[in-house]
Amino acid sequence: MATAQKLHTELNPIQVSLLRLFNRPMSENETKELKNLMVNHYSDLLDEEVKKITSVKGYTQKDFDDMLKGES
């Protein structure tokens, strides 16, 4: 049975603030720089989470290699 997901229709305060901040003309280069900044930020957060989980679960490189081979 599928569960209904609550749709968010309101922007949170940070989203509103960002829209106001970037409500101006930007060059293609500025846009790319902002996208790269955000991608790098979320990549760093993901790396931290992976390191934390790897440490907690005690995974080794061999474990990851086995997972990639489907031998988990």
Protein backbone atom coordinates (compact mmCIF):
# COMPACT_ATOMS: atom_id res chain seq x y z
CA MET A 1 0.00 0.00 0.00
CA ALA A 2 1.40 3.38 -0.98
CA THR A 3 1.72 6.04 1.67
CA ALA A 4 0.68 9.59 1.03
CA GLN A 5 3.49 12.11 1.18
CA LYS A 6 2.90 15.53 2.64
CA LEU A 7 3.56 18.18 0.02
CA HIS A 8 5.39 21.26 1.19
CA THR A 9 3.94 24.34 -0.40
CA GLU A 10 5.51 27.01 1.81
CA LEU A 11 9.07 28.18 1.60
CA ASN A 12 11.07 28.12 4.79
CA PRO A 13 12.83 31.31 5.95
CA ILE A 14 16.20 30.36 4.49
CA GLN A 15 14.63 29.66 1.09
CA VAL A 16 12.92 33.05 1.10
CA SER A 17 16.18 34.70 2.11
CA LEU A 18 18.06 32.99 -0.72
CA LEU A 19 15.44 34.01 -3.26
CA ARG A 20 15.75 37.62 -2.14
CA LEU A 21 19.53 37.46 -2.17
CA PHE A 22 19.68 36.10 -5.71
CA ASN A 23 16.88 38.20 -7.13
CA ARG A 24 19.27 40.06 -9.37
CA PRO A 25 20.91 39.54 -12.73
CA MET A 26 23.80 37.06 -12.62
CA SER A 27 26.29 36.07 -15.25
CA GLU A 28 26.56 32.49 -16.42
CA ASN A 29 29.89 32.29 -14.58
CA GLU A 30 28.33 33.45 -11.29
CA THR A 31 25.58 30.87 -11.68
CA LYS A 32 28.12 28.10 -12.27
CA GLU A 33 30.18 29.21 -9.27
CA LEU A 34 27.12 29.12 -7.01
CA LYS A 35 26.13 25.69 -8.27
CA ASN A 36 29.67 24.42 -7.68
CA LEU A 37 29.65 25.90 -4.19
CA MET A 38 26.43 24.08 -3.34
CA VAL A 39 27.57 20.81 -4.90
CA ASN A 40 30.84 20.96 -2.96
CA HIS A 41 29.00 21.73 0.27
CA TYR A 42 26.64 18.77 -0.06
CA SER A 43 29.47 16.53 -1.24
CA ASP A 44 31.40 17.38 1.93
CA LEU A 45 28.34 16.59 4.06
CA LEU A 46 27.92 13.25 2.28
CA ASP A 47 31.61 12.42 2.78
CA GLU A 48 31.27 13.12 6.51
CA GLU A 49 28.21 10.88 6.76
CA VAL A 50 29.89 8.05 4.86
CA LYS A 51 32.95 8.26 7.12
CA LYS A 52 30.72 8.18 10.19
CA ILE A 53 28.75 5.16 8.99
CA THR A 54 31.90 3.37 7.85
CA SER A 55 33.41 3.87 11.29
CA VAL A 56 30.28 2.80 13.19
CA LYS A 57 29.74 -0.30 11.04
CA GLY A 58 33.45 -1.11 10.87
CA TYR A 59 33.52 -1.41 7.08
CA THR A 60 36.86 -2.00 5.39
CA GLN A 61 37.95 -1.51 1.78
CA LYS A 62 37.48 -5.27 1.31
CA ASP A 63 33.86 -4.93 2.44
CA PHE A 64 33.26 -2.21 -0.15
CA ASP A 65 34.98 -4.24 -2.87
CA ASP A 66 32.81 -7.24 -1.99
CA MET A 67 29.67 -5.08 -2.09
CA LEU A 68 30.62 -3.84 -5.56
CA LYS A 69 31.08 -7.45 -6.71
CA GLY A 70 27.73 -8.42 -5.19
CA GLU A 71 29.40 -10.62 -2.59
CA SER A 72 28.07 -8.92 0.52
